Amino acid sequence: MWHKQVYEARYWTSGVAPGSTPSGGDDPWTLIGPVLPGDTPAPLPTLPAGTYPEWDAEETYNAGDRVLFDLVPYEAKWWSQGTEPGTNVAGGSPWVLVIPVQ
């Protein structure tokens, strides 16, 4: 979501705001439509406690490590320590949300 509009990435991008045309390139974003009154974010998936270890700010994590943060599953994309899952950080989060298979 950006400026009350919903966008979908067409390919990997970094530093290009939705709705802007990058110089010398194709817009990496597709406009889906406006955020409608009453729209709410989809709930985050949760797993039972103990499915993965709880995230610990003091622990070092490597790519592929999985944790639970408030029962929400995340997987490390690269080495990290102290970066809370689900938090936006400059350069991108080292965590990706794990969508459980139903």
C-alpha atoms as a PDB file:
ATOM      1  CA  MET A   1       0.000   0.000   0.000  1.00  0.00           C
ATOM      2  CA  TRP A   2       1.318   3.432  -0.905  1.00  0.00           C
ATOM      3  CA  HIS A   3      -0.592   6.721  -0.682  1.00  0.00           C
ATOM      4  CA  LYS A   4      -3.918   4.885  -0.191  1.00  0.00           C
ATOM      5  CA  GLN A   5      -3.373   2.760  -3.306  1.00  0.00           C
ATOM      6  CA  VAL A   6      -2.613  -0.972  -3.458  1.00  0.00           C
ATOM      7  CA  TYR A   7       0.287  -2.040  -5.678  1.00  0.00           C
ATOM      8  CA  GLU A   8       1.811  -5.379  -6.581  1.00  0.00           C
ATOM      9  CA  ALA A   9       5.478  -5.805  -7.469  1.00  0.00           C
ATOM     10  CA  ARG A  10       6.014  -7.076 -11.020  1.00  0.00           C
ATOM     11  CA  TYR A  11       9.602  -8.061 -10.200  1.00  0.00           C
ATOM     12  CA  TRP A  12      12.199  -7.505  -7.489  1.00  0.00           C
ATOM     13  CA  THR A  13      12.735  -3.852  -6.728  1.00  0.00           C
ATOM     14  CA  SER A  14      14.385  -1.618  -4.162  1.00  0.00           C
ATOM     15  CA  GLY A  15      14.150   2.129  -3.756  1.00  0.00           C
ATOM     16  CA  VAL A  16      11.512   2.721  -6.447  1.00  0.00           C
ATOM     17  CA  ALA A  17       8.305   4.171  -5.042  1.00  0.00           C
ATOM     18  CA  PRO A  18       5.053   2.786  -6.452  1.00  0.00           C
ATOM     19  CA  GLY A  19       3.489   5.111  -9.001  1.00  0.00           C
ATOM     20  CA  SER A  20       6.811   6.619 -10.078  1.00  0.00           C
ATOM     21  CA  THR A  21       8.592   5.763 -13.297  1.00  0.00           C
ATOM     22  CA  PRO A  22      12.271   4.984 -12.788  1.00  0.00           C
ATOM     23  CA  SER A  23      14.684   6.606 -15.214  1.00  0.00           C
ATOM     24  CA  GLY A  24      15.575   4.330 -18.089  1.00  0.00           C
ATOM     25  CA  GLY A  25      13.357   1.505 -16.944  1.00  0.00           C
ATOM     26  CA  ASP A  26      10.006  -0.100 -16.709  1.00  0.00           C
ATOM     27  CA  ASP A  27       7.780   0.579 -13.676  1.00  0.00           C
ATOM     28  CA  PRO A  28       8.218  -2.410 -11.339  1.00  0.00           C
ATOM     29  CA  TRP A  29       4.764  -1.839  -9.815  1.00  0.00           C
ATOM     30  CA  THR A  30       1.244  -2.671 -11.007  1.00  0.00           C
ATOM     31  CA  LEU A  31      -1.583  -0.595  -9.564  1.00  0.00           C
ATOM     32  CA  ILE A  32      -4.257  -2.912  -8.169  1.00  0.00           C
ATOM     33  CA  GLY A  33      -6.629  -0.192  -6.975  1.00  0.00           C
ATOM     34  CA  PRO A  34      -7.527   2.069  -4.062  1.00  0.00           C
ATOM     35  CA  VAL A  35      -7.769   1.040  -0.436  1.00  0.00           C
ATOM     36  CA  LEU A  36     -11.494   0.905   0.195  1.00  0.00           C
ATOM     37  CA  PRO A  37     -13.282   2.085   3.330  1.00  0.00           C
ATOM     38  CA  GLY A  38     -13.496  -0.826   5.730  1.00  0.00           C
ATOM     39  CA  ASP A  39     -10.462  -2.629   4.266  1.00  0.00           C
ATOM     40  CA  THR A  40      -8.316  -4.214   6.935  1.00  0.00           C
ATOM     41  CA  PRO A  41      -5.028  -6.078   6.698  1.00  0.00           C
ATOM     42  CA  ALA A  42      -5.232  -9.853   6.425  1.00  0.00           C
ATOM     43  CA  PRO A  43      -4.451 -11.539   9.735  1.00  0.00           C
ATOM     44  CA  LEU A  44      -0.937 -12.915  10.074  1.00  0.00           C
ATOM     45  CA  PRO A  45      -0.686 -16.702  10.118  1.00  0.00           C
ATOM     46  CA  THR A  46       0.103 -18.291  13.460  1.00  0.00           C
ATOM     47  CA  LEU A  47       1.452 -21.666  14.525  1.00  0.00           C
ATOM     48  CA  PRO A  48       1.301 -23.465  17.871  1.00  0.00           C
ATOM     49  CA  ALA A  49       3.965 -22.565  20.426  1.00  0.00           C
ATOM     50  CA  GLY A  50       6.956 -24.883  20.093  1.00  0.00           C
ATOM     51  CA  THR A  51       6.603 -25.339  16.317  1.00  0.00           C
ATOM     52  CA  TYR A  52       9.806 -23.286  15.959  1.00  0.00           C
ATOM     53  CA  PRO A  53      11.973 -21.664  18.639  1.00  0.00           C
ATOM     54  CA  GLU A  54      10.849 -18.262  19.903  1.00  0.00           C
ATOM     55  CA  TRP A  55      12.832 -15.356  18.421  1.00  0.00           C
ATOM     56  CA  ASP A  56      15.545 -14.083  20.765  1.00  0.00           C
ATOM     57  CA  ALA A  57      17.234 -10.686  20.262  1.00  0.00           C
ATOM     58  CA  GLU A  58      20.515 -12.102  21.598  1.00  0.00           C
ATOM     59  CA  GLU A  59      20.533 -15.116  19.263  1.00  0.00           C
ATOM     60  CA  THR A  60      22.409 -15.173  15.953  1.00  0.00           C
ATOM     61  CA  TYR A  61      20.346 -16.436  13.005  1.00  0.00           C
ATOM     62  CA  ASN A  62      21.501 -17.715   9.620  1.00  0.00           C
ATOM     63  CA  ALA A  63      19.664 -18.051   6.300  1.00  0.00           C
ATOM     64  CA  GLY A  64      16.973 -20.704   6.577  1.00  0.00           C
ATOM     65  CA  ASP A  65      16.568 -20.535  10.371  1.00  0.00           C
ATOM     66  CA  ARG A  66      12.919 -20.412  11.416  1.00  0.00           C
ATOM     67  CA  VAL A  67      11.451 -18.761  14.509  1.00  0.00           C
ATOM     68  CA  LEU A  68       8.132 -17.767  16.016  1.00  0.00           C
ATOM     69  CA  PHE A  69       7.535 -14.161  17.000  1.00  0.00           C
ATOM     70  CA  ASP A  70       4.216 -13.788  18.857  1.00  0.00           C
ATOM     71  CA  LEU A  71       3.316 -17.205  17.337  1.00  0.00           C
ATOM     72  CA  VAL A  72       3.865 -15.813  13.790  1.00  0.00           C
ATOM     73  CA  PRO A  73       6.401 -17.907  11.797  1.00  0.00           C
ATOM     74  CA  TYR A  74       9.375 -16.266  10.071  1.00  0.00           C
ATOM     75  CA  GLU A  75      12.403 -17.542   8.170  1.00  0.00           C
ATOM     76  CA  ALA A  76      15.785 -15.787   8.061  1.00  0.00           C
ATOM     77  CA  LYS A  77      16.850 -14.665   4.572  1.00  0.00           C
ATOM     78  CA  TRP A  78      20.418 -13.993   5.699  1.00  0.00           C
ATOM     79  CA  TRP A  79      22.525 -13.682   8.839  1.00  0.00           C
ATOM     80  CA  SER A  80      21.052 -11.396  11.469  1.00  0.00           C
ATOM     81  CA  GLN A  81      21.048 -10.616  15.152  1.00  0.00           C
ATOM     82  CA  GLY A  82      18.698  -8.295  17.033  1.00  0.00           C
ATOM     83  CA  THR A  83      16.462  -7.413  14.057  1.00  0.00           C
ATOM     84  CA  GLU A  84      12.902  -8.141  15.150  1.00  0.00           C
ATOM     85  CA  PRO A  85      10.849 -10.157  12.632  1.00  0.00           C
ATOM     86  CA  GLY A  86       8.062  -8.179  10.975  1.00  0.00           C
ATOM     87  CA  THR A  87       9.844  -4.836  11.442  1.00  0.00           C
ATOM     88  CA  ASN A  88      10.687  -2.627   8.457  1.00  0.00           C
ATOM     89  CA  VAL A  89      14.371  -1.754   8.326  1.00  0.00           C
ATOM     90  CA  ALA A  90      16.503   0.180   5.848  1.00  0.00           C
ATOM     91  CA  GLY A  91      17.867  -2.177   3.212  1.00  0.00           C
ATOM     92  CA  GLY A  92      15.136  -4.738   3.846  1.00  0.00           C
ATOM     93  CA  SER A  93      14.269  -7.104   6.640  1.00  0.00           C
ATOM     94  CA  PRO A  94      16.359 -10.247   7.088  1.00  0.00           C
ATOM     95  CA  TRP A  95      13.069 -12.057   7.808  1.00  0.00           C
ATOM     96  CA  VAL A  96      10.342 -13.358   5.529  1.00  0.00           C
ATOM     97  CA  LEU A  97       6.909 -14.442   6.707  1.00  0.00           C
ATOM     98  CA  VAL A  98       6.331 -18.194   6.483  1.00  0.00           C
ATOM     99  CA  ILE A  99       2.903 -19.061   5.120  1.00  0.00           C
ATOM    100  CA  PRO A 100       1.898 -22.430   6.595  1.00  0.00           C
ATOM    101  CA  VAL A 101       0.620 -25.084   4.189  1.00  0.00           C
ATOM    102  CA  GLN A 102      -3.007 -25.906   4.942  1.00  0.00           C
END
